[in-house]
Protein backbone atom coordinates (compact mmCIF):
# COMPACT_ATOMS: atom_id res chain seq x y z
CA MET A 1 93.39 154.57 58.36
CA PRO A 2 93.48 151.10 59.91
CA ASP A 3 94.07 150.16 63.56
CA GLN A 4 92.68 153.32 65.11
CA LYS A 5 92.73 153.56 68.87
CA HIS A 6 91.29 156.10 71.24
CA ASP A 7 94.73 157.59 71.92
CA ALA A 8 97.13 160.41 71.09
CA THR A 9 99.41 158.22 68.98
CA THR A 10 96.57 157.47 66.57
CA ILE A 11 95.75 161.18 66.21
CA GLN A 12 99.43 161.92 65.53
CA ARG A 13 99.44 159.24 62.80
CA ILE A 14 96.26 160.71 61.30
CA GLU A 15 97.74 164.22 61.24
CA GLN A 16 100.87 162.93 59.46
CA SER A 17 98.77 160.91 57.00
CA TRP A 18 96.58 163.96 56.33
CA LEU A 19 99.66 165.98 55.39
CA ALA A 20 100.89 163.13 53.17
CA ALA A 21 97.48 163.00 51.46
CA GLU A 22 97.74 166.70 50.66
CA TYR A 23 101.32 166.36 49.37
CA HIS A 24 100.56 163.29 47.22
CA GLY A 25 97.08 164.09 45.92
CA HIS A 26 95.06 161.51 47.89
CA ARG A 27 91.68 163.21 48.00
CA GLU A 28 89.93 159.98 49.00
CA TYR A 29 91.80 159.98 52.32
CA LEU A 30 90.40 163.41 53.14
CA ALA A 31 86.92 162.41 51.98
CA CYS A 32 86.98 159.57 54.54
CA LEU A 33 88.53 161.66 57.33
CA LEU A 34 86.52 164.87 57.23
CA GLU A 35 83.02 165.06 58.72
CA PRO A 36 80.32 166.23 56.27
CA ASP A 37 80.01 169.57 58.13
CA TYR A 38 83.79 170.06 58.52
CA GLN A 39 85.02 173.66 58.38
CA THR A 40 88.42 175.26 58.72
CA SER A 41 89.55 178.85 58.94
CA SER A 42 92.69 180.51 57.62
CA ARG A 43 94.76 183.12 59.41
CA SER A 44 92.95 185.78 57.37
CA GLY A 45 89.55 184.51 58.55
CA LEU A 46 88.56 182.73 55.32
CA VAL A 47 86.32 179.76 56.16
CA ARG A 48 86.57 176.68 53.94
CA SER A 49 84.19 173.72 53.80
CA ARG A 50 85.03 170.04 53.59
CA GLN A 51 84.64 170.16 49.82
CA ASP A 52 86.83 173.27 49.55
CA VAL A 53 89.61 171.44 51.40
CA ILE A 54 89.30 168.34 49.24
CA ASP A 55 89.19 170.37 46.01
CA ARG A 56 92.41 172.23 46.95
CA VAL A 57 94.37 168.96 46.82
CA PRO A 58 95.77 168.32 43.35
CA GLN A 59 94.46 165.08 41.85
CA VAL A 60 97.85 163.90 40.59
CA ILE A 61 101.26 164.97 41.77
CA ASP A 62 104.12 163.57 39.70
CA ASP A 63 107.13 164.85 41.61
CA ALA A 64 105.69 165.34 45.08
CA PRO A 65 108.27 166.44 47.62
CA ASP A 66 109.05 164.42 50.70
CA VAL A 67 106.47 164.91 53.42
CA PRO A 68 107.93 166.79 56.39
CA LYS A 69 107.53 165.27 59.83
CA LEU A 70 104.97 167.07 61.97
CA GLU A 71 105.39 167.87 65.63
CA THR A 72 101.93 167.30 67.15
CA ILE A 73 100.58 167.73 70.66
CA VAL A 74 97.27 165.95 71.25
CA VAL A 75 94.74 166.62 73.99
CA ILE A 76 91.93 164.07 74.36
CA HIS A 77 88.77 164.81 76.31
CA GLY A 78 86.20 162.01 76.18
CA ASP A 79 85.41 161.32 72.54
CA SER A 80 86.92 164.61 71.36
CA ALA A 81 90.52 165.50 70.63
CA THR A 82 92.50 168.53 69.60
CA ALA A 83 95.76 168.24 67.66
CA HIS A 84 98.13 171.21 67.73
CA SER A 85 100.67 170.70 64.93
CA ILE A 86 103.81 172.44 63.76
CA LEU A 87 105.08 171.96 60.22
CA ARG A 88 108.70 172.99 59.70
CA THR A 89 109.42 173.63 56.04
CA ASN A 90 110.96 176.21 53.72
CA ASP A 91 109.31 179.12 51.96
CA LYS A 92 109.60 179.63 48.17
CA ALA A 93 112.90 181.42 48.65
CA GLY A 94 114.29 178.46 50.59
CA HIS A 95 114.18 180.11 54.02
CA PRO A 96 113.01 178.03 56.99
CA LYS A 97 109.48 178.67 58.21
CA GLU A 98 107.03 177.18 60.67
CA VAL A 99 103.34 176.64 59.99
CA HIS A 100 101.09 176.16 63.04
CA PHE A 101 97.58 174.71 62.87
CA VAL A 102 95.02 172.98 65.05
CA ASP A 103 92.50 170.27 64.14
CA GLY A 104 89.49 169.08 66.11
CA TYR A 105 88.47 165.41 66.09
CA THR A 106 85.61 163.30 67.33
CA PHE A 107 85.65 159.53 67.89
CA HIS A 108 82.65 157.50 66.75
CA ASP A 109 81.93 154.34 64.79
CA GLY A 110 85.32 153.00 65.93
CA ARG A 111 87.45 155.74 64.40
CA TRP A 112 88.46 159.40 64.48
CA PHE A 113 86.89 162.04 62.22
CA ALA A 114 88.01 165.67 61.80
CA PHE A 115 85.25 168.23 62.35
CA SER A 116 87.18 171.52 62.44
CA GLY A 117 90.52 173.14 61.81
CA ALA A 118 92.29 176.48 61.98
CA ASP A 119 95.57 177.89 60.73
CA LEU A 120 97.35 179.82 63.48
């Protein structure tokens, strides 16, 4: 992602772009974003690696839905940041639902990298 700054707005853009990458099958975006030792945990406690996350993204999505807008609160502390995001969408039955998750970032080499995540 170009034009990265050491600020909350950049993290919010990254979070939105991450979601878009998952919706539209852009694995290369995640490969550039996620640290080699990245791990995330699900609500059930399942821990997934960087490669697990990348592999879960379909390679090609023909009729990808519109990407919902995230609501993201960012806290920056030195070269680390935490993004608390809420995704408002619909379940398979069409009922509204909220998905909450948090991602941890570190800033080095002039850009942000994700090192951890958790579904809440």
